[in-house]
Amino acid sequence: MTPNKRNLHIESSGQLCIYCGACVGVCPLNCIYLDETRITFDEKICTRCEICVKACPVGAIEIG
């Protein structure tokens, strides 16, 4: 991963997220955690591959 990509922040919109777990299931590094009230990302592990962004059915995940 390029250093510029590592500087990008990853987050989920609590207003859009339906807590379906699609992002958790596709993450190759298992760095997405979901509970009943929020989704969190381990930004130290995440490579910003954007697989989770593409898997989210409601577009709740943003990298930028």
N, C-alpha and C. Protein backbone atom coordinates (compact mmCIF):
# COMPACT_ATOMS: atom_id res chain seq x y z
N MET A 1 0.84 -1.17 0.00
CA MET A 1 0.00 0.00 0.00
C MET A 1 0.89 1.23 0.00
N THR A 2 0.46 2.22 -0.73
CA THR A 2 1.22 3.46 -0.78
C THR A 2 1.00 4.25 0.51
N PRO A 3 2.01 5.03 0.92
CA PRO A 3 1.85 5.84 2.14
C PRO A 3 0.65 6.78 2.07
N ASN A 4 0.36 7.31 0.90
CA ASN A 4 -0.78 8.22 0.77
C ASN A 4 -2.10 7.52 1.11
N LYS A 5 -2.22 6.26 0.70
CA LYS A 5 -3.46 5.53 0.96
C LYS A 5 -3.60 5.23 2.45
N ARG A 6 -2.49 4.97 3.12
CA ARG A 6 -2.52 4.67 4.56
C ARG A 6 -3.05 5.86 5.36
N ASN A 7 -2.85 7.06 4.85
CA ASN A 7 -3.30 8.27 5.55
C ASN A 7 -4.80 8.49 5.44
N LEU A 8 -5.47 7.75 4.58
CA LEU A 8 -6.91 7.91 4.41
C LEU A 8 -7.66 7.33 5.60
N HIS A 9 -8.67 8.03 6.04
CA HIS A 9 -9.49 7.60 7.17
C HIS A 9 -10.65 6.75 6.65
N ILE A 10 -10.99 5.72 7.38
CA ILE A 10 -12.12 4.87 7.00
C ILE A 10 -13.20 4.98 8.08
N GLU A 11 -14.43 5.16 7.66
CA GLU A 11 -15.50 5.30 8.63
C GLU A 11 -16.83 4.82 8.06
N SER A 12 -17.74 4.57 8.95
CA SER A 12 -19.09 4.14 8.57
C SER A 12 -20.09 5.17 9.06
N SER A 13 -21.05 5.45 8.23
CA SER A 13 -22.12 6.37 8.61
C SER A 13 -23.13 5.63 9.47
N GLY A 14 -23.25 6.04 10.71
CA GLY A 14 -24.22 5.43 11.61
C GLY A 14 -25.65 5.62 11.15
N GLN A 15 -25.88 6.66 10.37
CA GLN A 15 -27.23 6.93 9.88
C GLN A 15 -27.59 6.00 8.72
N LEU A 16 -26.59 5.55 7.97
CA LEU A 16 -26.87 4.69 6.82
C LEU A 16 -26.71 3.20 7.13
N CYS A 17 -25.79 2.87 8.01
CA CYS A 17 -25.46 1.47 8.29
C CYS A 17 -26.69 0.71 8.80
N ILE A 18 -26.93 -0.46 8.21
CA ILE A 18 -28.05 -1.31 8.63
C ILE A 18 -27.55 -2.52 9.43
N TYR A 19 -26.25 -2.54 9.77
CA TYR A 19 -25.64 -3.56 10.60
C TYR A 19 -25.86 -4.97 10.06
N CYS A 20 -25.73 -5.10 8.74
CA CYS A 20 -25.95 -6.40 8.10
C CYS A 20 -24.73 -7.30 8.19
N GLY A 21 -23.54 -6.72 8.38
CA GLY A 21 -22.33 -7.51 8.50
C GLY A 21 -21.67 -7.88 7.19
N ALA A 22 -22.18 -7.36 6.08
CA ALA A 22 -21.59 -7.69 4.78
C ALA A 22 -20.12 -7.30 4.72
N CYS A 23 -19.78 -6.16 5.28
CA CYS A 23 -18.39 -5.68 5.26
C CYS A 23 -17.49 -6.59 6.09
N VAL A 24 -17.99 -7.04 7.22
CA VAL A 24 -17.22 -7.91 8.10
C VAL A 24 -16.89 -9.21 7.38
N GLY A 25 -17.86 -9.75 6.67
CA GLY A 25 -17.70 -11.03 5.98
C GLY A 25 -16.71 -11.01 4.84
N VAL A 26 -16.49 -9.86 4.22
CA VAL A 26 -15.59 -9.81 3.07
C VAL A 26 -14.20 -9.27 3.39
N CYS A 27 -14.00 -8.73 4.56
CA CYS A 27 -12.70 -8.13 4.90
C CYS A 27 -11.62 -9.21 4.97
N PRO A 28 -10.60 -9.14 4.10
CA PRO A 28 -9.56 -10.17 4.08
C PRO A 28 -8.63 -10.11 5.30
N LEU A 29 -8.63 -9.00 6.02
CA LEU A 29 -7.75 -8.85 7.17
C LEU A 29 -8.49 -8.91 8.50
N ASN A 30 -9.80 -9.14 8.45
CA ASN A 30 -10.62 -9.23 9.66
C ASN A 30 -10.42 -8.04 10.59
N CYS A 31 -10.42 -6.85 10.01
CA CYS A 31 -10.19 -5.65 10.83
C CYS A 31 -11.43 -4.78 10.98
N ILE A 32 -12.60 -5.37 10.71
CA ILE A 32 -13.86 -4.67 10.89
C ILE A 32 -14.65 -5.39 11.98
N TYR A 33 -15.14 -4.61 12.93
CA TYR A 33 -15.85 -5.16 14.07
C TYR A 33 -17.24 -4.55 14.15
N LEU A 34 -18.22 -5.39 14.37
CA LEU A 34 -19.61 -4.96 14.38
C LEU A 34 -20.27 -5.40 15.68
N ASP A 35 -20.94 -4.47 16.32
CA ASP A 35 -21.79 -4.85 17.45
C ASP A 35 -23.19 -4.27 17.20
N GLU A 36 -24.02 -4.29 18.17
CA GLU A 36 -25.42 -3.89 17.96
C GLU A 36 -25.61 -2.39 17.73
N THR A 37 -24.62 -1.60 18.07
CA THR A 37 -24.80 -0.15 17.97
C THR A 37 -23.80 0.57 17.07
N ARG A 38 -22.73 -0.12 16.66
CA ARG A 38 -21.75 0.56 15.82
C ARG A 38 -20.83 -0.42 15.11
N ILE A 39 -20.14 0.11 14.13
CA ILE A 39 -19.14 -0.64 13.40
C ILE A 39 -17.82 0.10 13.56
N THR A 40 -16.75 -0.64 13.79
CA THR A 40 -15.45 -0.01 13.95
C THR A 40 -14.43 -0.69 13.05
N PHE A 41 -13.41 0.05 12.70
CA PHE A 41 -12.35 -0.43 11.82
C PHE A 41 -11.02 -0.30 12.55
N ASP A 42 -10.18 -1.32 12.46
CA ASP A 42 -8.83 -1.21 13.00
C ASP A 42 -7.97 -0.57 11.92
N GLU A 43 -7.78 0.73 12.01
CA GLU A 43 -7.09 1.47 10.96
C GLU A 43 -5.61 1.14 10.87
N LYS A 44 -5.05 0.52 11.92
CA LYS A 44 -3.64 0.13 11.86
C LYS A 44 -3.46 -1.11 10.98
N ILE A 45 -4.49 -1.93 10.88
CA ILE A 45 -4.42 -3.15 10.08
C ILE A 45 -4.99 -2.94 8.68
N CYS A 46 -6.03 -2.15 8.56
CA CYS A 46 -6.72 -1.93 7.29
C CYS A 46 -5.78 -1.40 6.21
N THR A 47 -5.85 -2.00 5.03
CA THR A 47 -5.02 -1.56 3.89
C THR A 47 -5.80 -0.68 2.93
N ARG A 48 -7.03 -0.37 3.25
CA ARG A 48 -7.90 0.46 2.40
C ARG A 48 -8.11 -0.17 1.02
N CYS A 49 -8.30 -1.48 1.01
CA CYS A 49 -8.50 -2.20 -0.25
C CYS A 49 -9.87 -1.89 -0.86
N GLU A 50 -10.78 -1.39 -0.07
CA GLU A 50 -12.12 -0.97 -0.48
C GLU A 50 -13.08 -2.12 -0.79
N ILE A 51 -12.72 -3.33 -0.42
CA ILE A 51 -13.63 -4.46 -0.61
C ILE A 51 -14.89 -4.26 0.22
N CYS A 52 -14.73 -3.75 1.42
CA CYS A 52 -15.89 -3.50 2.29
C CYS A 52 -16.80 -2.42 1.71
N VAL A 53 -16.19 -1.41 1.11
CA VAL A 53 -16.97 -0.32 0.50
C VAL A 53 -17.87 -0.89 -0.59
N LYS A 54 -17.31 -1.77 -1.41
CA LYS A 54 -18.06 -2.36 -2.52
C LYS A 54 -19.13 -3.33 -2.03
N ALA A 55 -18.88 -3.98 -0.88
CA ALA A 55 -19.82 -4.97 -0.35
C ALA A 55 -21.00 -4.34 0.38
N CYS A 56 -20.84 -3.12 0.84
CA CYS A 56 -21.91 -2.48 1.62
C CYS A 56 -23.12 -2.19 0.74
N PRO A 57 -24.28 -2.77 1.07
CA PRO A 57 -25.46 -2.58 0.22
C PRO A 57 -26.09 -1.19 0.29
N VAL A 58 -25.70 -0.40 1.29
CA VAL A 58 -26.31 0.92 1.44
C VAL A 58 -25.30 2.07 1.32
N GLY A 59 -24.07 1.76 0.98
CA GLY A 59 -23.06 2.80 0.79
C GLY A 59 -22.68 3.54 2.06
N ALA A 60 -22.65 2.82 3.18
CA ALA A 60 -22.39 3.46 4.47
C ALA A 60 -20.91 3.64 4.79
N ILE A 61 -20.02 3.00 4.03
CA ILE A 61 -18.59 3.06 4.34
C ILE A 61 -17.89 4.02 3.39
N GLU A 62 -17.08 4.88 3.98
CA GLU A 62 -16.32 5.85 3.18
C GLU A 62 -14.85 5.78 3.54
N ILE A 63 -14.01 5.90 2.54
CA ILE A 63 -12.57 5.99 2.73
C ILE A 63 -12.13 7.30 2.12
N GLY A 64 -11.50 8.11 2.93
CA GLY A 64 -11.07 9.39 2.38
C GLY A 64 -10.45 10.29 3.39
